[in-house]
């Protein structure tokens, strides 16, 4: 199982705001990650998250963190 957490990141101070999460299995995770990459999310190693940089007009970016866990 995988936990996918969605955040908004404030561009001014870097603070993450929790939006929501979803538990998915391996097959669903692969489908979601393929879609995420098509939308333009890039993996950021320092933040350990897939981040979609917002336009310069918007004040926050979107981020998705994927964590695996056993049930």
C-alpha atoms as a PDB file:
ATOM      1  CA  UNK A   1       0.000   0.000   0.000  1.00  0.00           C
ATOM      2  CA  UNK A   2       1.047   3.564  -0.624  1.00  0.00           C
ATOM      3  CA  UNK A   3       0.013   6.785   1.068  1.00  0.00           C
ATOM      4  CA  UNK A   4      -0.146   9.775  -1.275  1.00  0.00           C
ATOM      5  CA  UNK A   5      -0.232  13.092   0.578  1.00  0.00           C
ATOM      6  CA  UNK A   6      -1.137  16.331  -1.193  1.00  0.00           C
ATOM      7  CA  UNK A   7       0.255  19.680  -0.049  1.00  0.00           C
ATOM      8  CA  UNK A   8       0.313  23.306  -1.090  1.00  0.00           C
ATOM      9  CA  UNK A   9       3.698  24.969  -0.599  1.00  0.00           C
ATOM     10  CA  UNK A  10       3.833  28.696   0.118  1.00  0.00           C
ATOM     11  CA  UNK A  11       6.417  30.189  -2.255  1.00  0.00           C
ATOM     12  CA  UNK A  12       7.349  33.018   0.105  1.00  0.00           C
ATOM     13  CA  UNK A  13       8.229  31.049   3.250  1.00  0.00           C
ATOM     14  CA  UNK A  14       8.251  27.407   2.066  1.00  0.00           C
ATOM     15  CA  UNK A  15       5.596  26.263   4.557  1.00  0.00           C
ATOM     16  CA  UNK A  16       3.612  23.175   3.535  1.00  0.00           C
ATOM     17  CA  UNK A  17      -0.162  23.145   4.014  1.00  0.00           C
ATOM     18  CA  UNK A  18      -1.821  19.728   4.115  1.00  0.00           C
ATOM     19  CA  UNK A  19      -4.633  19.328   1.565  1.00  0.00           C
ATOM     20  CA  UNK A  20      -5.485  15.639   1.765  1.00  0.00           C
ATOM     21  CA  UNK A  21      -4.302  12.070   1.318  1.00  0.00           C
ATOM     22  CA  UNK A  22      -5.273   8.786  -0.273  1.00  0.00           C
ATOM     23  CA  UNK A  23      -4.261   5.155   0.236  1.00  0.00           C
ATOM     24  CA  UNK A  24      -3.664   3.280  -3.010  1.00  0.00           C
ATOM     25  CA  UNK A  25      -2.297  -0.102  -4.043  1.00  0.00           C
ATOM     26  CA  UNK A  26       0.694  -0.639  -6.314  1.00  0.00           C
ATOM     27  CA  UNK A  27      -1.288  -0.680  -9.584  1.00  0.00           C
ATOM     28  CA  UNK A  28      -3.195   2.504  -8.731  1.00  0.00           C
ATOM     29  CA  UNK A  29       0.018   4.221  -7.627  1.00  0.00           C
ATOM     30  CA  UNK A  30       1.608   3.561 -11.030  1.00  0.00           C
ATOM     31  CA  UNK A  31      -1.432   4.967 -12.834  1.00  0.00           C
ATOM     32  CA  UNK A  32      -1.519   8.063 -10.613  1.00  0.00           C
ATOM     33  CA  UNK A  33       2.234   8.676 -10.919  1.00  0.00           C
ATOM     34  CA  UNK A  34       2.050   8.445 -14.719  1.00  0.00           C
ATOM     35  CA  UNK A  35      -0.701  11.089 -14.654  1.00  0.00           C
ATOM     36  CA  UNK A  36       1.248  13.254 -12.191  1.00  0.00           C
ATOM     37  CA  UNK A  37       4.321  13.239 -14.430  1.00  0.00           C
ATOM     38  CA  UNK A  38       2.202  14.135 -17.496  1.00  0.00           C
ATOM     39  CA  UNK A  39       0.837  17.146 -15.573  1.00  0.00           C
ATOM     40  CA  UNK A  40       4.403  18.461 -15.182  1.00  0.00           C
ATOM     41  CA  UNK A  41       5.304  17.486 -11.619  1.00  0.00           C
ATOM     42  CA  UNK A  42       9.075  17.173 -11.104  1.00  0.00           C
ATOM     43  CA  UNK A  43      10.752  15.149  -8.335  1.00  0.00           C
ATOM     44  CA  UNK A  44      12.696  17.319  -5.861  1.00  0.00           C
ATOM     45  CA  UNK A  45      15.247  15.250  -3.930  1.00  0.00           C
ATOM     46  CA  UNK A  46      15.807  17.800  -1.180  1.00  0.00           C
ATOM     47  CA  UNK A  47      12.077  18.012  -0.390  1.00  0.00           C
ATOM     48  CA  UNK A  48      11.447  14.318  -1.220  1.00  0.00           C
ATOM     49  CA  UNK A  49       8.304  15.243  -3.127  1.00  0.00           C
ATOM     50  CA  UNK A  50       6.899  15.620  -6.619  1.00  0.00           C
ATOM     51  CA  UNK A  51       6.369  19.352  -7.062  1.00  0.00           C
ATOM     52  CA  UNK A  52       4.356  21.273  -9.651  1.00  0.00           C
ATOM     53  CA  UNK A  53       5.801  24.759  -9.815  1.00  0.00           C
ATOM     54  CA  UNK A  54       3.072  27.347 -10.085  1.00  0.00           C
ATOM     55  CA  UNK A  55       3.036  30.337 -12.377  1.00  0.00           C
ATOM     56  CA  UNK A  56       4.802  33.407 -11.039  1.00  0.00           C
ATOM     57  CA  UNK A  57       1.360  34.925 -10.420  1.00  0.00           C
ATOM     58  CA  UNK A  58       0.309  32.184  -7.988  1.00  0.00           C
ATOM     59  CA  UNK A  59       1.610  32.305  -4.429  1.00  0.00           C
ATOM     60  CA  UNK A  60       1.941  28.552  -3.892  1.00  0.00           C
ATOM     61  CA  UNK A  61       3.079  25.374  -5.606  1.00  0.00           C
ATOM     62  CA  UNK A  62       1.479  21.935  -5.377  1.00  0.00           C
ATOM     63  CA  UNK A  63       3.319  18.896  -3.992  1.00  0.00           C
ATOM     64  CA  UNK A  64       2.674  15.168  -3.707  1.00  0.00           C
ATOM     65  CA  UNK A  65       4.577  12.934  -1.308  1.00  0.00           C
ATOM     66  CA  UNK A  66       4.410   9.161  -1.795  1.00  0.00           C
ATOM     67  CA  UNK A  67       5.118   6.888   1.180  1.00  0.00           C
ATOM     68  CA  UNK A  68       4.989   3.097   1.191  1.00  0.00           C
ATOM     69  CA  UNK A  69       3.846   1.096   4.190  1.00  0.00           C
ATOM     70  CA  UNK A  70       2.893  -2.447   5.088  1.00  0.00           C
ATOM     71  CA  UNK A  71      -0.529  -3.380   6.377  1.00  0.00           C
END
